[in-house]
Structure formats: C-alpha cells, structure tokens
Amino acid sequence: MKNNERIANLALAGLTLAPLVVNVNPNINVILTASLTVYVGCYRSVKPTPPSVSTACIDALYFCFCSFPV
C-alpha cells in the first residue's frame, strides 16, 4: 500500500517539475495535479481502523442549531 502512495507522490513531483523542462498543456497540468493531490490526500486520510469516537444524534442536532447566524 505504501508503494502506491510513493508512486503517486513521485508522479505529483514529476508533474510539478515537468513544465520547467518540456512544454505542458496548462489545462491538462491543472487537471492532473488536482487529481493526484486529491488521490494522495485521500490515501493518507484512510486509517487502518475506524475512528472510535462518533458523533451522537443529539450532538449533530445541537450543531445545526448552533451553526445558524444570530
């Protein structure tokens, strides 16, 4: 699993440095950079075990009422 993350990080670094060496279409560069950034971020956020603390129903309801502007 760490191998996939390493490959994605290397691809992201290569994509960042590619415009310094070759002519890269800016639209493709933006789409690929954004996609790889989201992939790496999602890959890092996945934990091997689920979180032990979850939001109770009353907490979620309280948040709805407290988040409205006064």
PDB file of N, CA and C in Angstrom:
ATOM      1  N   MET A   1       0.815  -1.193   0.000  1.00  0.00           N
ATOM      2  CA  MET A   1       0.000   0.000   0.000  1.00  0.00           C
ATOM      3  C   MET A   1       0.863   1.262   0.000  1.00  0.00           C
ATOM      4  N   LYS A   2       1.957   1.244   0.709  1.00  0.00           N
ATOM      5  CA  LYS A   2       2.838   2.416   0.721  1.00  0.00           C
ATOM      6  C   LYS A   2       3.461   2.641  -0.649  1.00  0.00           C
ATOM      7  N   ASN A   3       3.578   1.572  -1.434  1.00  0.00           N
ATOM      8  CA  ASN A   3       4.159   1.695  -2.761  1.00  0.00           C
ATOM      9  C   ASN A   3       3.294   2.581  -3.651  1.00  0.00           C
ATOM     10  N   ASN A   4       1.963   2.426  -3.554  1.00  0.00           N
ATOM     11  CA  ASN A   4       1.062   3.260  -4.355  1.00  0.00           C
ATOM     12  C   ASN A   4       1.189   4.726  -3.983  1.00  0.00           C
ATOM     13  N   GLU A   5       1.318   4.989  -2.686  1.00  0.00           N
ATOM     14  CA  GLU A   5       1.471   6.371  -2.235  1.00  0.00           C
ATOM     15  C   GLU A   5       2.791   6.957  -2.728  1.00  0.00           C
ATOM     16  N   ARG A   6       3.833   6.173  -2.693  1.00  0.00           N
ATOM     17  CA  ARG A   6       5.137   6.645  -3.163  1.00  0.00           C
ATOM     18  C   ARG A   6       5.094   6.952  -4.664  1.00  0.00           C
ATOM     19  N   ILE A   7       4.440   6.087  -5.427  1.00  0.00           N
ATOM     20  CA  ILE A   7       4.326   6.308  -6.871  1.00  0.00           C
ATOM     21  C   ILE A   7       3.525   7.575  -7.149  1.00  0.00           C
ATOM     22  N   ALA A   8       2.429   7.766  -6.409  1.00  0.00           N
ATOM     23  CA  ALA A   8       1.613   8.965  -6.607  1.00  0.00           C
ATOM     24  C   ALA A   8       2.389  10.225  -6.230  1.00  0.00           C
ATOM     25  N   ASN A   9       3.169  10.171  -5.164  1.00  0.00           N
ATOM     26  CA  ASN A   9       3.976  11.332  -4.772  1.00  0.00           C
ATOM     27  C   ASN A   9       5.042  11.642  -5.817  1.00  0.00           C
ATOM     28  N   LEU A  10       5.671  10.610  -6.352  1.00  0.00           N
ATOM     29  CA  LEU A  10       6.675  10.826  -7.398  1.00  0.00           C
ATOM     30  C   LEU A  10       6.031  11.383  -8.674  1.00  0.00           C
ATOM     31  N   ALA A  11       4.849  10.895  -9.009  1.00  0.00           N
ATOM     32  CA  ALA A  11       4.146  11.419 -10.186  1.00  0.00           C
ATOM     33  C   ALA A  11       3.759  12.873  -9.972  1.00  0.00           C
ATOM     34  N   LEU A  12       3.340  13.210  -8.756  1.00  0.00           N
ATOM     35  CA  LEU A  12       2.984  14.592  -8.451  1.00  0.00           C
ATOM     36  C   LEU A  12       4.208  15.505  -8.525  1.00  0.00           C
ATOM     37  N   ALA A  13       5.327  15.037  -8.008  1.00  0.00           N
ATOM     38  CA  ALA A  13       6.565  15.828  -8.094  1.00  0.00           C
ATOM     39  C   ALA A  13       7.012  15.979  -9.548  1.00  0.00           C
ATOM     40  N   GLY A  14       6.920  14.900 -10.311  1.00  0.00           N
ATOM     41  CA  GLY A  14       7.289  14.957 -11.727  1.00  0.00           C
ATOM     42  C   GLY A  14       6.394  15.893 -12.514  1.00  0.00           C
ATOM     43  N   LEU A  15       5.104  15.859 -12.190  1.00  0.00           N
ATOM     44  CA  LEU A  15       4.154  16.732 -12.875  1.00  0.00           C
ATOM     45  C   LEU A  15       4.377  18.198 -12.499  1.00  0.00           C
ATOM     46  N   THR A  16       4.839  18.428 -11.279  1.00  0.00           N
ATOM     47  CA  THR A  16       5.125  19.792 -10.847  1.00  0.00           C
ATOM     48  C   THR A  16       6.357  20.349 -11.566  1.00  0.00           C
ATOM     49  N   LEU A  17       7.351  19.503 -11.757  1.00  0.00           N
ATOM     50  CA  LEU A  17       8.603  19.956 -12.366  1.00  0.00           C
ATOM     51  C   LEU A  17       8.619  19.837 -13.892  1.00  0.00           C
ATOM     52  N   ALA A  18       7.665  19.131 -14.472  1.00  0.00           N
ATOM     53  CA  ALA A  18       7.660  18.914 -15.925  1.00  0.00           C
ATOM     54  C   ALA A  18       7.617  20.211 -16.734  1.00  0.00           C
ATOM     55  N   PRO A  19       6.835  21.228 -16.341  1.00  0.00           N
ATOM     56  CA  PRO A  19       6.810  22.456 -17.160  1.00  0.00           C
ATOM     57  C   PRO A  19       8.151  23.189 -17.226  1.00  0.00           C
ATOM     58  N   LEU A  20       9.061  22.882 -16.323  1.00  0.00           N
ATOM     59  CA  LEU A  20      10.381  23.513 -16.386  1.00  0.00           C
ATOM     60  C   LEU A  20      11.237  22.927 -17.503  1.00  0.00           C
ATOM     61  N   VAL A  21      10.900  21.712 -17.936  1.00  0.00           N
ATOM     62  CA  VAL A  21      11.728  21.007 -18.911  1.00  0.00           C
ATOM     63  C   VAL A  21      11.052  20.933 -20.280  1.00  0.00           C
ATOM     64  N   VAL A  22       9.769  20.594 -20.292  1.00  0.00           N
ATOM     65  CA  VAL A  22       9.048  20.423 -21.557  1.00  0.00           C
ATOM     66  C   VAL A  22       7.804  21.304 -21.568  1.00  0.00           C
ATOM     67  N   ASN A  23       7.237  21.471 -22.758  1.00  0.00           N
ATOM     68  CA  ASN A  23       6.017  22.243 -22.906  1.00  0.00           C
ATOM     69  C   ASN A  23       4.830  21.361 -22.518  1.00  0.00           C
ATOM     70  N   VAL A  24       4.092  21.777 -21.479  1.00  0.00           N
ATOM     71  CA  VAL A  24       2.951  21.011 -20.984  1.00  0.00           C
ATOM     72  C   VAL A  24       1.702  21.873 -21.141  1.00  0.00           C
ATOM     73  N   ASN A  25       0.629  21.259 -21.648  1.00  0.00           N
ATOM     74  CA  ASN A  25      -0.641  21.962 -21.779  1.00  0.00           C
ATOM     75  C   ASN A  25      -1.122  22.350 -20.379  1.00  0.00           C
ATOM     76  N   PRO A  26      -1.371  23.632 -20.124  1.00  0.00           N
ATOM     77  CA  PRO A  26      -1.756  24.070 -18.783  1.00  0.00           C
ATOM     78  C   PRO A  26      -3.050  23.443 -18.277  1.00  0.00           C
ATOM     79  N   ASN A  27      -4.018  23.219 -19.165  1.00  0.00           N
ATOM     80  CA  ASN A  27      -5.283  22.626 -18.742  1.00  0.00           C
ATOM     81  C   ASN A  27      -5.086  21.194 -18.241  1.00  0.00           C
ATOM     82  N   ILE A  28      -4.305  20.423 -18.962  1.00  0.00           N
ATOM     83  CA  ILE A  28      -4.032  19.046 -18.549  1.00  0.00           C
ATOM     84  C   ILE A  28      -3.212  19.041 -17.265  1.00  0.00           C
ATOM     85  N   ASN A  29      -2.269  19.968 -17.163  1.00  0.00           N
ATOM     86  CA  ASN A  29      -1.445  20.052 -15.966  1.00  0.00           C
ATOM     87  C   ASN A  29      -2.302  20.335 -14.728  1.00  0.00           C
ATOM     88  N   VAL A  30      -3.250  21.260 -14.838  1.00  0.00           N
ATOM     89  CA  VAL A  30      -4.122  21.592 -13.702  1.00  0.00           C
ATOM     90  C   VAL A  30      -4.987  20.402 -13.319  1.00  0.00           C
ATOM     91  N   ILE A  31      -5.574  19.735 -14.301  1.00  0.00           N
ATOM     92  CA  ILE A  31      -6.450  18.594 -14.014  1.00  0.00           C
ATOM     93  C   ILE A  31      -5.670  17.453 -13.381  1.00  0.00           C
ATOM     94  N   LEU A  32      -4.515  17.119 -13.922  1.00  0.00           N
ATOM     95  CA  LEU A  32      -3.721  16.020 -13.364  1.00  0.00           C
ATOM     96  C   LEU A  32      -3.163  16.355 -11.983  1.00  0.00           C
ATOM     97  N   THR A  33      -2.712  17.591 -11.793  1.00  0.00           N
ATOM     98  CA  THR A  33      -2.195  17.986 -10.491  1.00  0.00           C
ATOM     99  C   THR A  33      -3.287  17.933  -9.429  1.00  0.00           C
ATOM    100  N   ALA A  34      -4.466  18.444  -9.744  1.00  0.00           N
ATOM    101  CA  ALA A  34      -5.575  18.410  -8.791  1.00  0.00           C
ATOM    102  C   ALA A  34      -5.987  16.979  -8.485  1.00  0.00           C
ATOM    103  N   SER A  35      -6.075  16.142  -9.503  1.00  0.00           N
ATOM    104  CA  SER A  35      -6.481  14.753  -9.293  1.00  0.00           C
ATOM    105  C   SER A  35      -5.472  13.996  -8.435  1.00  0.00           C
ATOM    106  N   LEU A  36      -4.201  14.165  -8.736  1.00  0.00           N
ATOM    107  CA  LEU A  36      -3.178  13.476  -7.940  1.00  0.00           C
ATOM    108  C   LEU A  36      -3.134  13.993  -6.505  1.00  0.00           C
ATOM    109  N   THR A  37      -3.355  15.285  -6.309  1.00  0.00           N
ATOM    110  CA  THR A  37      -3.371  15.849  -4.963  1.00  0.00           C
ATOM    111  C   THR A  37      -4.525  15.277  -4.153  1.00  0.00           C
ATOM    112  N   VAL A  38      -5.690  15.170  -4.749  1.00  0.00           N
ATOM    113  CA  VAL A  38      -6.840  14.589  -4.053  1.00  0.00           C
ATOM    114  C   VAL A  38      -6.588  13.115  -3.756  1.00  0.00           C
ATOM    115  N   TYR A  39      -6.015  12.389  -4.705  1.00  0.00           N
ATOM    116  CA  TYR A  39      -5.723  10.964  -4.502  1.00  0.00           C
ATOM    117  C   TYR A  39      -4.761  10.759  -3.340  1.00  0.00           C
ATOM    118  N   VAL A  40      -3.685  11.534  -3.310  1.00  0.00           N
ATOM    119  CA  VAL A  40      -2.707  11.392  -2.234  1.00  0.00           C
ATOM    120  C   VAL A  40      -3.325  11.788  -0.893  1.00  0.00           C
ATOM    121  N   GLY A  41      -4.111  12.842  -0.875  1.00  0.00           N
ATOM    122  CA  GLY A  41      -4.758  13.263   0.369  1.00  0.00           C
ATOM    123  C   GLY A  41      -5.740  12.232   0.885  1.00  0.00           C
ATOM    124  N   CYS A  42      -6.525  11.649  -0.017  1.00  0.00           N
ATOM    125  CA  CYS A  42      -7.471  10.606   0.400  1.00  0.00           C
ATOM    126  C   CYS A  42      -6.735   9.361   0.859  1.00  0.00           C
ATOM    127  N   TYR A  43      -5.679   9.022   0.182  1.00  0.00           N
ATOM    128  CA  TYR A  43      -4.910   7.832   0.539  1.00  0.00           C
ATOM    129  C   TYR A  43      -4.299   7.990   1.934  1.00  0.00           C
ATOM    130  N   ARG A  44      -3.834   9.193   2.254  1.00  0.00           N
ATOM    131  CA  ARG A  44      -3.232   9.428   3.572  1.00  0.00           C
ATOM    132  C   ARG A  44      -4.270   9.495   4.680  1.00  0.00           C
ATOM    133  N   SER A  45      -5.502   9.888   4.344  1.00  0.00           N
ATOM    134  CA  SER A  45      -6.511  10.050   5.387  1.00  0.00           C
ATOM    135  C   SER A  45      -7.162   8.737   5.798  1.00  0.00           C
ATOM    136  N   VAL A  46      -7.000   7.681   5.001  1.00  0.00           N
ATOM    137  CA  VAL A  46      -7.597   6.387   5.337  1.00  0.00           C
ATOM    138  C   VAL A  46      -6.757   5.737   6.431  1.00  0.00           C
ATOM    139  N   LYS A  47      -7.420   5.407   7.516  1.00  0.00           N
ATOM    140  CA  LYS A  47      -6.740   4.781   8.652  1.00  0.00           C
ATOM    141  C   LYS A  47      -7.023   3.285   8.653  1.00  0.00           C
ATOM    142  N   PRO A  48      -6.138   2.467   9.238  1.00  0.00           N
ATOM    143  CA  PRO A  48      -6.363   1.021   9.250  1.00  0.00           C
ATOM    144  C   PRO A  48      -7.544   0.606  10.123  1.00  0.00           C
ATOM    145  N   THR A  49      -7.882   1.406  11.135  1.00  0.00           N
ATOM    146  CA  THR A  49      -9.024   1.100  11.994  1.00  0.00           C
ATOM    147  C   THR A  49      -9.990   2.275  11.957  1.00  0.00           C
ATOM    148  N   PRO A  50     -11.283   2.007  12.088  1.00  0.00           N
ATOM    149  CA  PRO A  50     -12.241   3.118  12.088  1.00  0.00           C
ATOM    150  C   PRO A  50     -12.105   3.955  13.350  1.00  0.00           C
ATOM    151  N   PRO A  51     -12.537   5.208  13.304  1.00  0.00           N
ATOM    152  CA  PRO A  51     -12.432   6.062  14.491  1.00  0.00           C
ATOM    153  C   PRO A  51     -13.290   5.517  15.629  1.00  0.00           C
ATOM    154  N   SER A  52     -12.794   5.666  16.849  1.00  0.00           N
ATOM    155  CA  SER A  52     -13.511   5.114  18.000  1.00  0.00           C
ATOM    156  C   SER A  52     -14.594   6.064  18.501  1.00  0.00           C
ATOM    157  N   VAL A  53     -14.490   7.345  18.202  1.00  0.00           N
ATOM    158  CA  VAL A  53     -15.467   8.319  18.663  1.00  0.00           C
ATOM    159  C   VAL A  53     -16.347   8.709  17.486  1.00  0.00           C
ATOM    160  N   SER A  54     -17.637   8.669  17.681  1.00  0.00           N
ATOM    161  CA  SER A  54     -18.556   9.094  16.625  1.00  0.00           C
ATOM    162  C   SER A  54     -19.495  10.155  17.193  1.00  0.00           C
ATOM    163  N   THR A  55     -20.088  10.923  16.316  1.00  0.00           N
ATOM    164  CA  THR A  55     -20.992  11.981  16.738  1.00  0.00           C
ATOM    165  C   THR A  55     -22.350  11.383  17.079  1.00  0.00           C
ATOM    166  N   ALA A  56     -22.840  11.698  18.252  1.00  0.00           N
ATOM    167  CA  ALA A  56     -24.158  11.225  18.654  1.00  0.00           C
ATOM    168  C   ALA A  56     -25.231  12.041  17.942  1.00  0.00           C
ATOM    169  N   CYS A  57     -26.417  11.507  17.895  1.00  0.00           N
ATOM    170  CA  CYS A  57     -27.522  12.183  17.203  1.00  0.00           C
ATOM    171  C   CYS A  57     -27.817  13.539  17.846  1.00  0.00           C
ATOM    172  N   ILE A  58     -27.800  13.615  19.145  1.00  0.00           N
ATOM    173  CA  ILE A  58     -28.100  14.881  19.825  1.00  0.00           C
ATOM    174  C   ILE A  58     -27.009  15.919  19.555  1.00  0.00           C
ATOM    175  N   ASP A  59     -25.761  15.470  19.436  1.00  0.00           N
ATOM    176  CA  ASP A  59     -24.670  16.395  19.112  1.00  0.00           C
ATOM    177  C   ASP A  59     -24.858  16.982  17.716  1.00  0.00           C
ATOM    178  N   ALA A  60     -25.270  16.144  16.777  1.00  0.00           N
ATOM    179  CA  ALA A  60     -25.486  16.615  15.415  1.00  0.00           C
ATOM    180  C   ALA A  60     -26.649  17.613  15.371  1.00  0.00           C
ATOM    181  N   LEU A  61     -27.696  17.347  16.125  1.00  0.00           N
ATOM    182  CA  LEU A  61     -28.840  18.258  16.178  1.00  0.00           C
ATOM    183  C   LEU A  61     -28.444  19.581  16.821  1.00  0.00           C
ATOM    184  N   TYR A  62     -27.664  19.531  17.888  1.00  0.00           N
ATOM    185  CA  TYR A  62     -27.188  20.734  18.567  1.00  0.00           C
ATOM    186  C   TYR A  62     -26.327  21.572  17.628  1.00  0.00           C
ATOM    187  N   PHE A  63     -25.504  20.916  16.831  1.00  0.00           N
ATOM    188  CA  PHE A  63     -24.638  21.635  15.885  1.00  0.00           C
ATOM    189  C   PHE A  63     -25.473  22.404  14.865  1.00  0.00           C
ATOM    190  N   CYS A  64     -26.572  21.817  14.412  1.00  0.00           N
ATOM    191  CA  CYS A  64     -27.434  22.505  13.431  1.00  0.00           C
ATOM    192  C   CYS A  64     -27.967  23.815  13.996  1.00  0.00           C
ATOM    193  N   PHE A  65     -28.411  23.782  15.241  1.00  0.00           N
ATOM    194  CA  PHE A  65     -28.978  24.996  15.837  1.00  0.00           C
ATOM    195  C   PHE A  65     -27.914  26.013  16.190  1.00  0.00           C
ATOM    196  N   CYS A  66     -26.747  25.558  16.555  1.00  0.00           N
ATOM    197  CA  CYS A  66     -25.684  26.494  16.956  1.00  0.00           C
ATOM    198  C   CYS A  66     -24.970  27.101  15.752  1.00  0.00           C
ATOM    199  N   SER A  67     -25.058  26.485  14.604  1.00  0.00           N
ATOM    200  CA  SER A  67     -24.309  26.994  13.457  1.00  0.00           C
ATOM    201  C   SER A  67     -25.065  28.099  12.711  1.00  0.00           C
ATOM    202  N   PHE A  68     -26.345  28.301  13.003  1.00  0.00           N
ATOM    203  CA  PHE A  68     -27.079  29.379  12.345  1.00  0.00           C
ATOM    204  C   PHE A  68     -26.588  30.731  12.861  1.00  0.00           C
ATOM    205  N   PRO A  69     -26.433  31.698  11.965  1.00  0.00           N
ATOM    206  CA  PRO A  69     -26.048  33.044  12.441  1.00  0.00           C
ATOM    207  C   PRO A  69     -27.178  33.681  13.233  1.00  0.00           C
ATOM    208  N   VAL A  70     -26.806  34.473  14.199  1.00  0.00           N
ATOM    209  CA  VAL A  70     -27.811  35.115  15.074  1.00  0.00           C
ATOM    210  C   VAL A  70     -28.323  36.371  14.453  1.00  0.00           C
TER     211      VAL A  70
END
